[in-house]
N, C-alpha and C. Protein backbone atom coordinates (compact mmCIF):
# COMPACT_ATOMS: atom_id res chain seq x y z
N MET A 1 123.36 -120.33 77.41
CA MET A 1 124.10 -121.48 77.95
C MET A 1 125.59 -121.33 77.58
N LEU A 2 126.47 -121.41 78.57
CA LEU A 2 127.90 -121.30 78.30
C LEU A 2 128.43 -122.58 77.69
N GLN A 3 129.33 -122.42 76.72
CA GLN A 3 129.95 -123.60 76.14
C GLN A 3 130.83 -124.31 77.15
N SER A 4 131.59 -123.55 77.89
CA SER A 4 132.51 -124.12 78.88
C SER A 4 133.02 -123.01 79.76
N GLY A 5 133.82 -123.39 80.73
CA GLY A 5 134.42 -122.40 81.60
C GLY A 5 135.77 -121.95 81.05
N ILE A 6 136.76 -121.93 81.93
CA ILE A 6 138.11 -121.52 81.57
C ILE A 6 138.98 -122.78 81.52
N ARG A 7 139.71 -122.95 80.43
CA ARG A 7 140.58 -124.10 80.26
C ARG A 7 142.01 -123.63 79.97
N VAL A 8 142.95 -124.16 80.71
CA VAL A 8 144.38 -123.91 80.47
C VAL A 8 145.02 -125.26 80.18
N ARG A 9 145.73 -125.36 79.07
CA ARG A 9 146.28 -126.64 78.65
C ARG A 9 147.78 -126.52 78.34
N GLU A 10 148.58 -127.23 79.14
CA GLU A 10 150.03 -127.34 78.93
C GLU A 10 150.66 -125.98 78.67
N ALA A 11 150.33 -125.02 79.53
CA ALA A 11 150.75 -123.64 79.34
C ALA A 11 152.07 -123.35 80.04
N THR A 12 152.98 -122.71 79.31
CA THR A 12 154.25 -122.28 79.85
C THR A 12 154.45 -120.81 79.51
N LYS A 13 154.96 -120.05 80.47
CA LYS A 13 155.30 -118.65 80.23
C LYS A 13 156.71 -118.38 80.71
N SER A 14 157.52 -117.83 79.83
CA SER A 14 158.89 -117.47 80.20
C SER A 14 159.24 -116.12 79.61
N PHE A 15 160.16 -115.44 80.28
CA PHE A 15 160.73 -114.20 79.77
C PHE A 15 162.22 -114.46 79.56
N LYS A 16 162.62 -114.62 78.29
CA LYS A 16 163.99 -115.02 77.95
C LYS A 16 164.31 -116.33 78.68
N ASP A 17 165.26 -116.34 79.59
CA ASP A 17 165.65 -117.58 80.26
C ASP A 17 164.90 -117.80 81.58
N ASN A 18 164.03 -116.87 81.93
CA ASN A 18 163.31 -116.95 83.21
C ASN A 18 161.96 -117.61 82.99
N ILE A 19 161.79 -118.83 83.50
CA ILE A 19 160.51 -119.53 83.41
C ILE A 19 159.62 -119.09 84.57
N VAL A 20 158.47 -118.51 84.25
CA VAL A 20 157.54 -118.04 85.28
C VAL A 20 156.66 -119.18 85.76
N PHE A 21 156.08 -119.94 84.83
CA PHE A 21 155.38 -121.18 85.17
C PHE A 21 155.54 -122.14 84.01
N TYR A 22 155.40 -123.43 84.34
CA TYR A 22 155.72 -124.47 83.35
C TYR A 22 154.63 -125.54 83.30
N ASN A 23 154.14 -125.80 82.08
CA ASN A 23 153.25 -126.93 81.81
C ASN A 23 152.01 -126.93 82.72
N VAL A 24 151.35 -125.79 82.77
CA VAL A 24 150.15 -125.63 83.61
C VAL A 24 148.92 -126.12 82.84
N SER A 25 148.16 -126.99 83.47
CA SER A 25 146.85 -127.40 82.95
C SER A 25 145.83 -127.31 84.08
N MET A 26 144.69 -126.67 83.81
CA MET A 26 143.68 -126.50 84.84
C MET A 26 142.34 -126.20 84.19
N ALA A 27 141.28 -126.29 84.98
CA ALA A 27 139.93 -125.96 84.52
C ALA A 27 139.19 -125.22 85.62
N ALA A 28 138.44 -124.21 85.21
CA ALA A 28 137.52 -123.52 86.10
C ALA A 28 136.13 -123.62 85.46
N GLU A 29 135.18 -124.17 86.21
CA GLU A 29 133.88 -124.51 85.65
C GLU A 29 132.80 -123.49 86.04
N PRO A 30 131.76 -123.36 85.19
CA PRO A 30 130.62 -122.52 85.56
C PRO A 30 129.98 -122.99 86.86
N GLY A 31 129.58 -122.05 87.70
CA GLY A 31 128.95 -122.39 88.96
C GLY A 31 129.92 -122.87 90.02
N GLU A 32 131.21 -122.61 89.81
CA GLU A 32 132.23 -122.99 90.78
C GLU A 32 133.20 -121.82 91.00
N ILE A 33 133.84 -121.83 92.16
CA ILE A 33 134.95 -120.93 92.44
C ILE A 33 136.22 -121.77 92.48
N THR A 34 137.15 -121.46 91.62
CA THR A 34 138.42 -122.19 91.53
C THR A 34 139.53 -121.31 92.09
N GLY A 35 140.29 -121.85 93.02
CA GLY A 35 141.36 -121.10 93.66
C GLY A 35 142.73 -121.46 93.13
N VAL A 36 143.61 -120.48 93.09
CA VAL A 36 145.02 -120.69 92.76
C VAL A 36 145.85 -120.11 93.90
N VAL A 37 146.69 -120.95 94.49
CA VAL A 37 147.53 -120.51 95.61
C VAL A 37 149.00 -120.73 95.24
N GLY A 38 149.86 -120.03 95.95
CA GLY A 38 151.30 -120.16 95.74
C GLY A 38 152.02 -119.00 96.40
N ARG A 39 153.29 -119.19 96.61
CA ARG A 39 154.09 -118.15 97.26
C ARG A 39 154.17 -116.91 96.36
N ASN A 40 154.61 -115.79 96.93
CA ASN A 40 154.83 -114.58 96.14
C ASN A 40 155.87 -114.88 95.05
N GLY A 41 155.59 -114.45 93.83
CA GLY A 41 156.51 -114.69 92.73
C GLY A 41 156.36 -116.04 92.07
N SER A 42 155.32 -116.80 92.46
CA SER A 42 155.14 -118.15 91.90
C SER A 42 154.49 -118.13 90.52
N GLY A 43 153.96 -117.00 90.10
CA GLY A 43 153.40 -116.90 88.76
C GLY A 43 151.90 -116.75 88.71
N LYS A 44 151.23 -116.59 89.85
CA LYS A 44 149.76 -116.48 89.85
C LYS A 44 149.28 -115.31 89.00
N THR A 45 149.86 -114.14 89.25
CA THR A 45 149.41 -112.94 88.54
C THR A 45 149.70 -113.03 87.05
N VAL A 46 150.86 -113.55 86.68
CA VAL A 46 151.19 -113.70 85.26
C VAL A 46 150.24 -114.68 84.59
N LEU A 47 149.92 -115.78 85.27
CA LEU A 47 148.95 -116.74 84.73
C LEU A 47 147.61 -116.06 84.50
N PHE A 48 147.15 -115.28 85.46
CA PHE A 48 145.86 -114.60 85.32
C PHE A 48 145.90 -113.60 84.17
N LYS A 49 147.03 -112.91 84.00
CA LYS A 49 147.16 -111.98 82.88
C LYS A 49 147.10 -112.70 81.54
N CYS A 50 147.68 -113.88 81.48
CA CYS A 50 147.61 -114.67 80.24
C CYS A 50 146.18 -115.12 79.97
N ILE A 51 145.46 -115.53 81.01
CA ILE A 51 144.06 -115.93 80.84
C ILE A 51 143.23 -114.77 80.31
N CYS A 52 143.53 -113.56 80.76
CA CYS A 52 142.77 -112.39 80.36
C CYS A 52 143.23 -111.80 79.03
N GLY A 53 144.26 -112.38 78.43
CA GLY A 53 144.74 -111.90 77.15
C GLY A 53 145.68 -110.72 77.23
N PHE A 54 146.17 -110.39 78.43
CA PHE A 54 147.08 -109.27 78.59
C PHE A 54 148.52 -109.63 78.23
N MET A 55 148.84 -110.91 78.30
CA MET A 55 150.17 -111.43 77.94
C MET A 55 149.99 -112.69 77.11
N PRO A 56 150.86 -112.93 76.12
CA PRO A 56 150.79 -114.19 75.38
C PRO A 56 151.52 -115.30 76.12
N LEU A 57 151.05 -116.52 75.98
CA LEU A 57 151.79 -117.67 76.47
C LEU A 57 153.04 -117.88 75.62
N THR A 58 154.03 -118.54 76.19
CA THR A 58 155.17 -119.00 75.41
C THR A 58 154.80 -120.26 74.65
N THR A 59 154.19 -121.21 75.34
CA THR A 59 153.62 -122.41 74.70
C THR A 59 152.32 -122.77 75.42
N GLY A 60 151.49 -123.59 74.77
CA GLY A 60 150.23 -124.02 75.35
C GLY A 60 149.06 -123.22 74.83
N ARG A 61 147.90 -123.43 75.43
CA ARG A 61 146.69 -122.74 74.98
C ARG A 61 145.74 -122.49 76.14
N ILE A 62 144.97 -121.43 75.99
CA ILE A 62 143.95 -121.06 76.96
C ILE A 62 142.65 -120.79 76.21
N THR A 63 141.56 -121.37 76.69
CA THR A 63 140.25 -121.06 76.14
C THR A 63 139.34 -120.55 77.24
N VAL A 64 138.53 -119.57 76.90
CA VAL A 64 137.50 -119.04 77.80
C VAL A 64 136.18 -119.08 77.04
N GLY A 65 135.24 -119.83 77.56
CA GLY A 65 133.96 -119.98 76.87
C GLY A 65 134.10 -120.64 75.52
N GLY A 66 135.11 -121.49 75.37
CA GLY A 66 135.31 -122.21 74.12
C GLY A 66 136.10 -121.46 73.07
N HIS A 67 136.55 -120.24 73.36
CA HIS A 67 137.30 -119.44 72.40
C HIS A 67 138.76 -119.33 72.84
N GLU A 68 139.68 -119.66 71.94
CA GLU A 68 141.09 -119.67 72.30
C GLU A 68 141.65 -118.25 72.32
N ILE A 69 142.29 -117.91 73.45
CA ILE A 69 142.85 -116.58 73.64
C ILE A 69 144.13 -116.45 72.79
N GLY A 70 144.20 -115.34 72.05
CA GLY A 70 145.37 -115.10 71.20
C GLY A 70 145.24 -115.66 69.81
N ARG A 71 144.21 -116.48 69.58
CA ARG A 71 143.96 -117.02 68.24
C ARG A 71 142.57 -116.63 67.75
N GLU A 72 141.57 -117.03 68.48
CA GLU A 72 140.19 -116.70 68.08
C GLU A 72 139.75 -115.34 68.61
N VAL A 73 140.22 -115.00 69.80
CA VAL A 73 139.94 -113.68 70.38
C VAL A 73 141.20 -113.18 71.08
N ASP A 74 141.37 -111.86 71.12
CA ASP A 74 142.53 -111.29 71.83
C ASP A 74 142.28 -111.24 73.34
N VAL A 75 141.07 -110.84 73.70
CA VAL A 75 140.67 -110.71 75.10
C VAL A 75 139.35 -111.46 75.26
N PRO A 76 139.16 -112.22 76.34
CA PRO A 76 137.90 -112.94 76.53
C PRO A 76 136.71 -111.98 76.56
N LYS A 77 135.61 -112.44 75.99
CA LYS A 77 134.38 -111.67 76.07
C LYS A 77 133.67 -111.99 77.38
N ASN A 78 132.90 -111.01 77.84
CA ASN A 78 132.01 -111.24 78.98
C ASN A 78 132.79 -111.62 80.25
N ILE A 79 133.86 -110.86 80.52
CA ILE A 79 134.73 -111.17 81.65
C ILE A 79 134.91 -109.95 82.54
N GLY A 80 134.95 -110.17 83.85
CA GLY A 80 135.26 -109.15 84.83
C GLY A 80 136.59 -109.47 85.47
N ILE A 81 137.42 -108.44 85.69
CA ILE A 81 138.82 -108.67 86.06
C ILE A 81 139.24 -107.76 87.21
N ILE A 82 139.93 -108.35 88.19
CA ILE A 82 140.72 -107.58 89.15
C ILE A 82 142.12 -108.16 89.13
N ILE A 83 143.06 -107.40 88.62
CA ILE A 83 144.47 -107.79 88.64
C ILE A 83 145.27 -106.56 89.05
N GLU A 84 145.98 -106.69 90.17
CA GLU A 84 146.75 -105.59 90.76
C GLU A 84 145.79 -104.49 91.21
N ALA A 85 146.31 -103.33 91.58
CA ALA A 85 145.48 -102.28 92.17
C ALA A 85 144.57 -101.67 91.11
N PRO A 86 143.27 -101.59 91.40
CA PRO A 86 142.36 -100.96 90.43
C PRO A 86 142.75 -99.50 90.18
N GLY A 87 142.69 -99.07 88.94
CA GLY A 87 143.03 -97.69 88.59
C GLY A 87 141.77 -96.88 88.28
N PHE A 88 141.65 -95.72 88.95
CA PHE A 88 140.49 -94.87 88.74
C PHE A 88 140.93 -93.42 88.62
N LEU A 89 140.05 -92.58 88.10
CA LEU A 89 140.32 -91.15 88.01
C LEU A 89 140.14 -90.55 89.41
N PRO A 90 141.22 -90.03 90.02
CA PRO A 90 141.17 -89.66 91.44
C PRO A 90 140.24 -88.50 91.76
N ASN A 91 139.95 -87.64 90.80
CA ASN A 91 139.11 -86.48 91.08
C ASN A 91 137.62 -86.74 90.84
N TYR A 92 137.30 -87.94 90.34
CA TYR A 92 135.92 -88.32 90.10
C TYR A 92 135.38 -89.11 91.29
N SER A 93 134.09 -89.02 91.53
CA SER A 93 133.45 -89.87 92.53
C SER A 93 133.45 -91.31 92.05
N GLY A 94 133.12 -92.22 92.96
CA GLY A 94 133.04 -93.63 92.58
C GLY A 94 132.01 -93.85 91.49
N PHE A 95 130.82 -93.26 91.65
CA PHE A 95 129.77 -93.43 90.65
C PHE A 95 130.21 -92.87 89.30
N ARG A 96 130.83 -91.70 89.31
CA ARG A 96 131.24 -91.08 88.05
C ARG A 96 132.32 -91.92 87.36
N ASN A 97 133.22 -92.50 88.15
CA ASN A 97 134.22 -93.40 87.57
C ASN A 97 133.57 -94.58 86.86
N LEU A 98 132.63 -95.23 87.54
CA LEU A 98 131.98 -96.40 86.96
C LEU A 98 131.12 -96.01 85.76
N LYS A 99 130.49 -94.86 85.81
CA LYS A 99 129.68 -94.39 84.68
C LYS A 99 130.58 -94.16 83.47
N PHE A 100 131.74 -93.58 83.70
CA PHE A 100 132.70 -93.35 82.61
C PHE A 100 133.14 -94.68 81.99
N LEU A 101 133.47 -95.65 82.83
CA LEU A 101 133.91 -96.96 82.33
C LEU A 101 132.78 -97.70 81.64
N ALA A 102 131.57 -97.60 82.17
CA ALA A 102 130.43 -98.27 81.56
C ALA A 102 130.11 -97.69 80.18
N GLY A 103 130.49 -96.43 79.98
CA GLY A 103 130.23 -95.79 78.69
C GLY A 103 131.06 -96.36 77.55
N ILE A 104 132.10 -97.13 77.87
CA ILE A 104 132.95 -97.70 76.82
C ILE A 104 132.17 -98.75 76.02
N GLN A 105 131.50 -99.65 76.74
CA GLN A 105 130.76 -100.71 76.06
C GLN A 105 129.26 -100.43 75.96
N ARG A 106 128.77 -99.54 76.79
CA ARG A 106 127.36 -99.14 76.76
C ARG A 106 126.41 -100.32 76.93
N LYS A 107 126.77 -101.21 77.84
CA LYS A 107 125.93 -102.38 78.11
C LYS A 107 124.97 -102.12 79.27
N ILE A 108 125.30 -101.17 80.13
CA ILE A 108 124.48 -100.91 81.31
C ILE A 108 124.27 -99.42 81.47
N GLY A 109 123.26 -99.06 82.27
CA GLY A 109 122.97 -97.67 82.55
C GLY A 109 123.18 -97.33 84.01
N CYS A 110 122.70 -96.16 84.41
CA CYS A 110 122.93 -95.67 85.77
C CYS A 110 122.32 -96.57 86.83
N LYS A 111 121.15 -97.13 86.54
CA LYS A 111 120.49 -97.97 87.54
C LYS A 111 121.35 -99.17 87.91
N GLN A 112 121.94 -99.84 86.92
CA GLN A 112 122.79 -101.01 87.20
C GLN A 112 124.03 -100.61 87.98
N ILE A 113 124.59 -99.44 87.67
CA ILE A 113 125.76 -98.96 88.41
C ILE A 113 125.40 -98.71 89.86
N GLN A 114 124.27 -98.04 90.07
CA GLN A 114 123.81 -97.77 91.43
C GLN A 114 123.61 -99.06 92.21
N GLU A 115 122.94 -100.03 91.60
CA GLU A 115 122.67 -101.30 92.27
C GLU A 115 123.97 -102.04 92.59
N THR A 116 124.94 -101.98 91.69
CA THR A 116 126.21 -102.67 91.93
C THR A 116 126.99 -102.02 93.06
N MET A 117 127.00 -100.69 93.11
CA MET A 117 127.68 -100.01 94.21
C MET A 117 127.05 -100.35 95.54
N GLU A 118 125.73 -100.43 95.57
CA GLU A 118 125.06 -100.83 96.82
C GLU A 118 125.41 -102.27 97.18
N LEU A 119 125.54 -103.12 96.17
CA LEU A 119 125.86 -104.53 96.41
C LEU A 119 127.23 -104.70 97.07
N VAL A 120 128.19 -103.83 96.74
CA VAL A 120 129.53 -103.93 97.34
C VAL A 120 129.68 -103.02 98.56
N GLY A 121 128.60 -102.37 98.98
CA GLY A 121 128.64 -101.58 100.20
C GLY A 121 129.13 -100.16 100.04
N LEU A 122 128.95 -99.57 98.86
CA LEU A 122 129.34 -98.18 98.63
C LEU A 122 128.10 -97.32 98.37
N ASP A 123 128.18 -96.05 98.79
CA ASP A 123 127.09 -95.10 98.59
C ASP A 123 127.26 -94.43 97.23
N TRP A 124 126.39 -94.77 96.27
CA TRP A 124 126.54 -94.22 94.93
C TRP A 124 126.25 -92.72 94.88
N LYS A 125 125.55 -92.20 95.89
CA LYS A 125 125.22 -90.78 95.91
C LYS A 125 126.37 -89.92 96.42
N SER A 126 127.38 -90.52 97.01
CA SER A 126 128.49 -89.77 97.60
C SER A 126 129.30 -89.04 96.52
N LYS A 127 129.63 -87.80 96.80
CA LYS A 127 130.45 -87.00 95.87
C LYS A 127 131.95 -87.09 96.21
N LYS A 128 132.28 -87.89 97.20
CA LYS A 128 133.67 -88.00 97.62
C LYS A 128 134.54 -88.50 96.47
N PRO A 129 135.63 -87.79 96.15
CA PRO A 129 136.48 -88.25 95.04
C PRO A 129 137.23 -89.52 95.42
N VAL A 130 137.46 -90.36 94.44
CA VAL A 130 138.13 -91.64 94.69
C VAL A 130 139.53 -91.43 95.25
N GLY A 131 140.16 -90.32 94.93
CA GLY A 131 141.48 -90.02 95.48
C GLY A 131 141.49 -89.92 96.98
N LYS A 132 140.33 -89.72 97.59
CA LYS A 132 140.23 -89.66 99.05
C LYS A 132 139.62 -90.92 99.65
N TYR A 133 139.42 -91.94 98.83
CA TYR A 133 138.92 -93.22 99.32
C TYR A 133 140.00 -93.93 100.14
N SER A 134 139.58 -94.71 101.10
CA SER A 134 140.49 -95.64 101.78
C SER A 134 140.83 -96.78 100.84
N LEU A 135 141.85 -97.57 101.18
CA LEU A 135 142.20 -98.72 100.36
C LEU A 135 141.04 -99.69 100.23
N GLY A 136 140.32 -99.88 101.32
CA GLY A 136 139.18 -100.80 101.29
C GLY A 136 138.07 -100.30 100.38
N MET A 137 137.80 -99.00 100.41
CA MET A 137 136.78 -98.44 99.53
C MET A 137 137.18 -98.58 98.07
N ARG A 138 138.47 -98.35 97.78
CA ARG A 138 138.94 -98.50 96.40
C ARG A 138 138.81 -99.95 95.94
N GLN A 139 139.07 -100.88 96.85
CA GLN A 139 138.95 -102.29 96.47
C GLN A 139 137.49 -102.65 96.22
N ARG A 140 136.60 -102.15 97.04
CA ARG A 140 135.17 -102.39 96.81
C ARG A 140 134.75 -101.82 95.45
N LEU A 141 135.26 -100.63 95.12
CA LEU A 141 134.94 -100.03 93.83
C LEU A 141 135.51 -100.86 92.69
N GLY A 142 136.72 -101.42 92.90
CA GLY A 142 137.30 -102.30 91.88
C GLY A 142 136.45 -103.55 91.66
N ILE A 143 135.91 -104.11 92.73
CA ILE A 143 135.03 -105.27 92.61
C ILE A 143 133.75 -104.87 91.89
N ALA A 144 133.22 -103.68 92.22
CA ALA A 144 132.03 -103.19 91.53
C ALA A 144 132.28 -103.07 90.03
N GLN A 145 133.44 -102.54 89.67
CA GLN A 145 133.79 -102.42 88.25
C GLN A 145 133.82 -103.80 87.57
N ALA A 146 134.38 -104.78 88.28
CA ALA A 146 134.51 -106.12 87.70
C ALA A 146 133.17 -106.79 87.46
N ILE A 147 132.19 -106.51 88.32
CA ILE A 147 130.93 -107.26 88.25
C ILE A 147 129.77 -106.47 87.65
N MET A 148 129.94 -105.16 87.43
CA MET A 148 128.77 -104.31 87.13
C MET A 148 128.09 -104.67 85.81
N GLU A 149 128.81 -105.22 84.84
CA GLU A 149 128.20 -105.57 83.55
C GLU A 149 127.74 -107.03 83.51
N ASP A 150 127.63 -107.64 84.69
CA ASP A 150 127.12 -109.01 84.83
C ASP A 150 127.89 -110.01 83.97
N PRO A 151 129.22 -110.07 84.12
CA PRO A 151 130.01 -110.98 83.28
C PRO A 151 129.81 -112.43 83.68
N ALA A 152 130.00 -113.31 82.72
CA ALA A 152 129.90 -114.75 82.99
C ALA A 152 131.15 -115.27 83.69
N TYR A 153 132.29 -114.57 83.47
CA TYR A 153 133.58 -115.01 84.00
C TYR A 153 134.18 -113.92 84.87
N LEU A 154 134.74 -114.33 86.01
CA LEU A 154 135.43 -113.39 86.90
C LEU A 154 136.82 -113.93 87.18
N VAL A 155 137.83 -113.10 86.95
CA VAL A 155 139.21 -113.45 87.25
C VAL A 155 139.69 -112.44 88.30
N LEU A 156 139.90 -112.92 89.52
CA LEU A 156 140.11 -112.06 90.68
C LEU A 156 141.44 -112.38 91.34
N ASP A 157 142.40 -111.50 91.19
CA ASP A 157 143.72 -111.68 91.79
C ASP A 157 143.79 -110.89 93.09
N GLU A 158 143.80 -111.58 94.21
CA GLU A 158 143.83 -110.97 95.54
C GLU A 158 142.71 -109.94 95.71
N PRO A 159 141.45 -110.34 95.54
CA PRO A 159 140.35 -109.37 95.58
C PRO A 159 140.09 -108.79 96.97
N MET A 160 140.67 -109.39 98.02
CA MET A 160 140.42 -108.90 99.38
C MET A 160 141.47 -107.88 99.85
N ASN A 161 142.42 -107.53 98.99
CA ASN A 161 143.47 -106.60 99.39
C ASN A 161 142.88 -105.29 99.91
N GLY A 162 143.35 -104.86 101.08
CA GLY A 162 142.93 -103.58 101.64
C GLY A 162 141.62 -103.59 102.39
N LEU A 163 140.91 -104.72 102.38
CA LEU A 163 139.62 -104.79 103.06
C LEU A 163 139.80 -105.12 104.54
N ASP A 164 138.97 -104.52 105.39
CA ASP A 164 138.96 -104.90 106.80
C ASP A 164 138.14 -106.18 106.95
N ASN A 165 138.02 -106.66 108.18
CA ASN A 165 137.34 -107.94 108.41
C ASN A 165 135.89 -107.92 107.92
N THR A 166 135.21 -106.80 108.14
CA THR A 166 133.83 -106.68 107.66
C THR A 166 133.78 -106.73 106.14
N GLY A 167 134.70 -106.02 105.51
CA GLY A 167 134.76 -106.01 104.05
C GLY A 167 135.05 -107.38 103.48
N VAL A 168 135.97 -108.10 104.10
CA VAL A 168 136.29 -109.45 103.65
C VAL A 168 135.07 -110.35 103.74
N ASP A 169 134.37 -110.27 104.87
CA ASP A 169 133.16 -111.09 105.05
C ASP A 169 132.10 -110.73 104.01
N ASP A 170 131.92 -109.43 103.77
CA ASP A 170 130.94 -108.98 102.78
C ASP A 170 131.27 -109.52 101.39
N MET A 171 132.54 -109.43 101.00
CA MET A 171 132.92 -109.85 99.65
C MET A 171 132.89 -111.37 99.49
N ARG A 172 133.20 -112.10 100.56
CA ARG A 172 133.06 -113.56 100.49
C ARG A 172 131.60 -113.93 100.22
N LYS A 173 130.68 -113.29 100.92
CA LYS A 173 129.26 -113.56 100.71
C LYS A 173 128.85 -113.20 99.28
N LEU A 174 129.39 -112.09 98.77
CA LEU A 174 129.08 -111.67 97.41
C LEU A 174 129.57 -112.69 96.39
N PHE A 175 130.80 -113.17 96.55
CA PHE A 175 131.34 -114.13 95.58
C PHE A 175 130.58 -115.46 95.64
N LEU A 176 130.19 -115.88 96.82
CA LEU A 176 129.39 -117.11 96.94
C LEU A 176 128.02 -116.93 96.28
N TYR A 177 127.46 -115.73 96.40
CA TYR A 177 126.19 -115.43 95.73
C TYR A 177 126.37 -115.48 94.21
N LEU A 178 127.46 -114.91 93.70
CA LEU A 178 127.73 -114.92 92.26
C LEU A 178 127.96 -116.35 91.75
N ARG A 179 128.58 -117.18 92.58
CA ARG A 179 128.74 -118.59 92.22
C ARG A 179 127.38 -119.25 92.03
N GLU A 180 126.45 -118.95 92.94
CA GLU A 180 125.11 -119.54 92.84
C GLU A 180 124.38 -119.09 91.57
N LEU A 181 124.77 -117.95 91.03
CA LEU A 181 124.19 -117.47 89.78
C LEU A 181 124.80 -118.16 88.55
N GLY A 182 125.79 -119.03 88.78
CA GLY A 182 126.39 -119.77 87.68
C GLY A 182 127.63 -119.16 87.08
N LYS A 183 128.21 -118.15 87.73
CA LYS A 183 129.43 -117.54 87.21
C LYS A 183 130.60 -118.52 87.30
N THR A 184 131.54 -118.36 86.38
CA THR A 184 132.83 -119.05 86.47
C THR A 184 133.79 -118.10 87.15
N ILE A 185 134.28 -118.47 88.35
CA ILE A 185 135.09 -117.55 89.15
C ILE A 185 136.45 -118.18 89.42
N LEU A 186 137.49 -117.44 89.07
CA LEU A 186 138.87 -117.84 89.33
C LEU A 186 139.47 -116.83 90.28
N VAL A 187 140.00 -117.30 91.41
CA VAL A 187 140.48 -116.38 92.44
C VAL A 187 141.84 -116.82 92.96
N ALA A 188 142.72 -115.84 93.15
CA ALA A 188 143.99 -116.07 93.85
C ALA A 188 143.95 -115.31 95.15
N SER A 189 144.38 -115.95 96.23
CA SER A 189 144.41 -115.29 97.53
C SER A 189 145.53 -115.87 98.37
N HIS A 190 146.18 -114.99 99.14
CA HIS A 190 147.21 -115.45 100.08
C HIS A 190 146.59 -115.89 101.40
N ASP A 191 145.28 -115.64 101.56
CA ASP A 191 144.59 -115.96 102.80
C ASP A 191 143.98 -117.35 102.69
N ALA A 192 144.45 -118.27 103.51
CA ALA A 192 143.95 -119.65 103.47
C ALA A 192 142.46 -119.71 103.78
N ASN A 193 141.96 -118.79 104.60
CA ASN A 193 140.53 -118.79 104.93
C ASN A 193 139.68 -118.47 103.70
N ASP A 194 140.16 -117.53 102.86
CA ASP A 194 139.44 -117.24 101.62
C ASP A 194 139.31 -118.50 100.78
N ILE A 195 140.41 -119.22 100.64
CA ILE A 195 140.43 -120.42 99.81
C ILE A 195 139.52 -121.49 100.41
N ASP A 196 139.60 -121.69 101.72
CA ASP A 196 138.79 -122.72 102.37
C ASP A 196 137.30 -122.43 102.26
N ILE A 197 136.93 -121.16 102.46
CA ILE A 197 135.52 -120.78 102.48
C ILE A 197 134.94 -120.73 101.07
N LEU A 198 135.71 -120.24 100.11
CA LEU A 198 135.15 -119.93 98.80
C LEU A 198 135.27 -121.06 97.77
N CYS A 199 136.36 -121.81 97.80
CA CYS A 199 136.74 -122.56 96.60
C CYS A 199 136.22 -124.00 96.57
N ASP A 200 135.75 -124.38 95.38
CA ASP A 200 135.31 -125.75 95.12
C ASP A 200 136.49 -126.64 94.73
N ARG A 201 137.47 -126.06 94.04
CA ARG A 201 138.70 -126.77 93.70
C ARG A 201 139.86 -125.79 93.83
N VAL A 202 141.04 -126.33 94.10
CA VAL A 202 142.20 -125.49 94.39
C VAL A 202 143.42 -126.06 93.68
N TYR A 203 144.20 -125.17 93.05
CA TYR A 203 145.47 -125.54 92.43
C TYR A 203 146.60 -124.77 93.11
N GLU A 204 147.75 -125.45 93.22
CA GLU A 204 148.94 -124.79 93.77
C GLU A 204 149.97 -124.63 92.65
N ILE A 205 150.47 -123.40 92.50
CA ILE A 205 151.41 -123.10 91.43
C ILE A 205 152.79 -122.81 92.00
N ASP A 206 153.81 -123.28 91.28
CA ASP A 206 155.20 -122.93 91.53
C ASP A 206 155.89 -122.89 90.18
N THR A 207 157.13 -122.43 90.16
CA THR A 207 157.83 -122.25 88.89
C THR A 207 157.86 -123.52 88.07
N ASP A 208 158.11 -124.66 88.72
CA ASP A 208 158.28 -125.91 87.97
C ASP A 208 157.19 -126.93 88.26
N SER A 209 156.09 -126.51 88.91
CA SER A 209 155.03 -127.47 89.19
C SER A 209 153.68 -126.76 89.28
N PHE A 210 152.64 -127.54 89.02
CA PHE A 210 151.27 -127.03 89.13
C PHE A 210 150.41 -128.24 89.49
N THR A 211 149.82 -128.20 90.68
CA THR A 211 149.16 -129.38 91.22
C THR A 211 147.78 -129.05 91.73
N GLN A 212 146.80 -129.89 91.44
CA GLN A 212 145.49 -129.74 92.06
C GLN A 212 145.56 -130.34 93.45
N ILE A 213 145.27 -129.52 94.46
CA ILE A 213 145.37 -129.99 95.84
C ILE A 213 144.00 -130.18 96.48
N ARG A 214 142.94 -129.79 95.76
CA ARG A 214 141.57 -130.06 96.25
C ARG A 214 140.60 -130.04 95.08
C-alpha cells in the first residue's frame, strides 16, 4: 500500500536572478494521471527534474511516497522517468540496451524485458541496433525503460515525442492501463488531446503562476 502519491509544496526554483517557477503546490495521486501544461520555457521540465531529484529546489519541498526529496532520499524510489530524449547505446539492440540497464538494480530478468518490449510494440528478438531506430521506435524503447521494473510512480515529460498517430494511440492506451493498475502518473504534453484523454487533473505552469485548471 502506497503512503501517498507525489506532493509539491510551495516550491520555487531559480538560477541566480532567473526564476523558473514560483510557489508551486500540487498533488498527483495513486490511480490517477495528473497533467502539467504550459508554454515552452514555462518550467515543466525543470519541475519534473526537481521531482525526480535531479535538481534541488531553491525553496519548498517535494515528497514522493511520503519521503522528502533531498532530505530523506536523494532520488525517489520505485520511479520510472522520461525526461528529454532517452539515451541508449547506439550499437546495442533494444533488448540488449534494456538488459544492460536492468542489470543495474537486478530487479527483473529477461522475461520481464521481453514482455515490456511487446507491451510498447517493439520486437525484442530484433538485432537492429538502436542507432538505426526511428525516433518513434526510440521513444517506445524509452517508455519501455521507464515501465519495465513495474514502478509505482511515472514521471513522463512529453512521452509522445516522435510517435506517429498509431504510436500515440498505443501509448495512450498503455498509460490508461497503467493508471488502472494504481500507478501515480505525472505527464507533461504540448498536445491538448493527450491532456484531455489521459488526465484526471491538470495544472498550468508559468514563471509567476501555477494553477489547477481541471
